[in-house]
Amino acid sequence: MAEQIHGHAVLEMMAASGQAYTRESLRAAIVERFGPEARFYTCSAESMTADQLITFLQSRGKFHAVVDGFTTDRAAICHD
């Protein structure tokens, strides 16, 4: 089974980069950073693929729309 990585690691990666992402560019960045087999978990879901995590984070309001796509910031990351 692939390593389980907390979704916060993706949000931290996004915030640290300071760049905007599209769904496709975020998926590519996740695969580059964590590998194609990585699975992600949060406090309420587990074993998500990169695509599933992106959908999950978007549904939870973790992304902020900008002209070039979307971003996040550390304020969007819960600390539980």
Protein backbone atom coordinates (compact mmCIF):
# COMPACT_ATOMS: atom_id res chain seq x y z
CA MET A 1 0.00 0.00 0.00
CA ALA A 2 1.22 3.49 -0.80
CA GLU A 3 2.32 5.89 1.91
CA GLN A 4 -0.49 7.97 3.42
CA ILE A 5 0.26 11.71 3.48
CA HIS A 6 -1.86 14.26 5.31
CA GLY A 7 -3.67 16.74 3.07
CA HIS A 8 -2.05 19.56 5.04
CA ALA A 9 1.24 18.69 3.33
CA VAL A 10 -0.30 19.63 -0.02
CA LEU A 11 -1.75 22.87 1.35
CA GLU A 12 1.64 23.74 2.90
CA MET A 13 3.34 23.01 -0.43
CA MET A 14 0.89 25.32 -2.20
CA ALA A 15 1.23 28.12 0.35
CA ALA A 16 5.03 27.92 0.33
CA SER A 17 5.18 28.13 -3.46
CA GLY A 18 3.29 31.42 -3.60
CA GLN A 19 1.97 30.50 -7.03
CA ALA A 20 -1.47 29.95 -8.52
CA TYR A 21 -2.49 26.50 -9.71
CA THR A 22 -4.99 25.02 -12.08
CA ARG A 23 -6.36 21.59 -11.26
CA GLU A 24 -3.93 20.09 -13.79
CA SER A 25 -0.87 21.98 -12.55
CA LEU A 26 -1.68 21.13 -8.93
CA ARG A 27 -2.05 17.45 -9.80
CA ALA A 28 1.34 17.57 -11.57
CA ALA A 29 2.98 19.31 -8.58
CA ILE A 30 1.53 16.73 -6.17
CA VAL A 31 2.79 13.83 -8.28
CA GLU A 32 6.22 15.44 -8.62
CA ARG A 33 6.52 16.10 -4.88
CA PHE A 34 4.88 13.01 -3.40
CA GLY A 35 4.98 10.44 -6.22
CA PRO A 36 2.29 8.93 -8.44
CA GLU A 37 1.32 6.23 -5.94
CA ALA A 38 0.90 8.53 -2.92
CA ARG A 39 -2.42 8.45 -1.10
CA PHE A 40 -3.72 11.21 1.13
CA TYR A 41 -5.80 11.47 4.27
CA THR A 42 -7.51 14.17 6.29
CA CYS A 43 -9.46 14.16 9.52
CA SER A 44 -12.53 12.87 7.65
CA ALA A 45 -11.24 10.89 4.64
CA GLU A 46 -8.42 8.54 3.76
CA SER A 47 -6.75 6.71 0.87
CA MET A 48 -7.49 9.55 -1.56
CA THR A 49 -5.65 9.92 -4.85
CA ALA A 50 -4.29 13.32 -5.84
CA ASP A 51 -7.44 14.01 -7.87
CA GLN A 52 -9.70 12.97 -5.02
CA LEU A 53 -7.76 15.15 -2.59
CA ILE A 54 -8.03 18.18 -4.89
CA THR A 55 -11.80 17.67 -5.14
CA PHE A 56 -12.03 17.22 -1.36
CA LEU A 57 -9.99 20.36 -0.57
CA GLN A 58 -11.97 22.38 -3.08
CA SER A 59 -15.26 21.22 -1.54
CA ARG A 60 -14.01 22.34 1.88
CA GLY A 61 -13.24 25.87 0.65
CA LYS A 62 -9.46 25.52 1.00
CA PHE A 63 -8.74 27.20 -2.36
CA HIS A 64 -9.04 30.89 -3.21
CA ALA A 65 -9.88 31.81 -6.79
CA VAL A 66 -7.43 34.13 -8.56
CA VAL A 67 -7.08 35.22 -12.18
CA ASP A 68 -4.71 32.35 -13.06
CA GLY A 69 -6.58 29.59 -11.20
CA PHE A 70 -6.52 29.21 -7.42
CA THR A 71 -4.21 29.46 -4.42
CA THR A 72 -4.34 28.70 -0.73
CA ASP A 73 -2.82 30.27 2.33
CA ARG A 74 -1.82 28.98 5.72
CA ALA A 75 -5.00 30.40 7.26
CA ALA A 76 -6.92 27.74 5.30
CA ILE A 77 -5.03 24.96 7.08
CA CYS A 78 -6.68 23.72 10.24
CA HIS A 79 -4.30 22.79 13.01
CA ASP A 80 -5.81 19.69 14.56
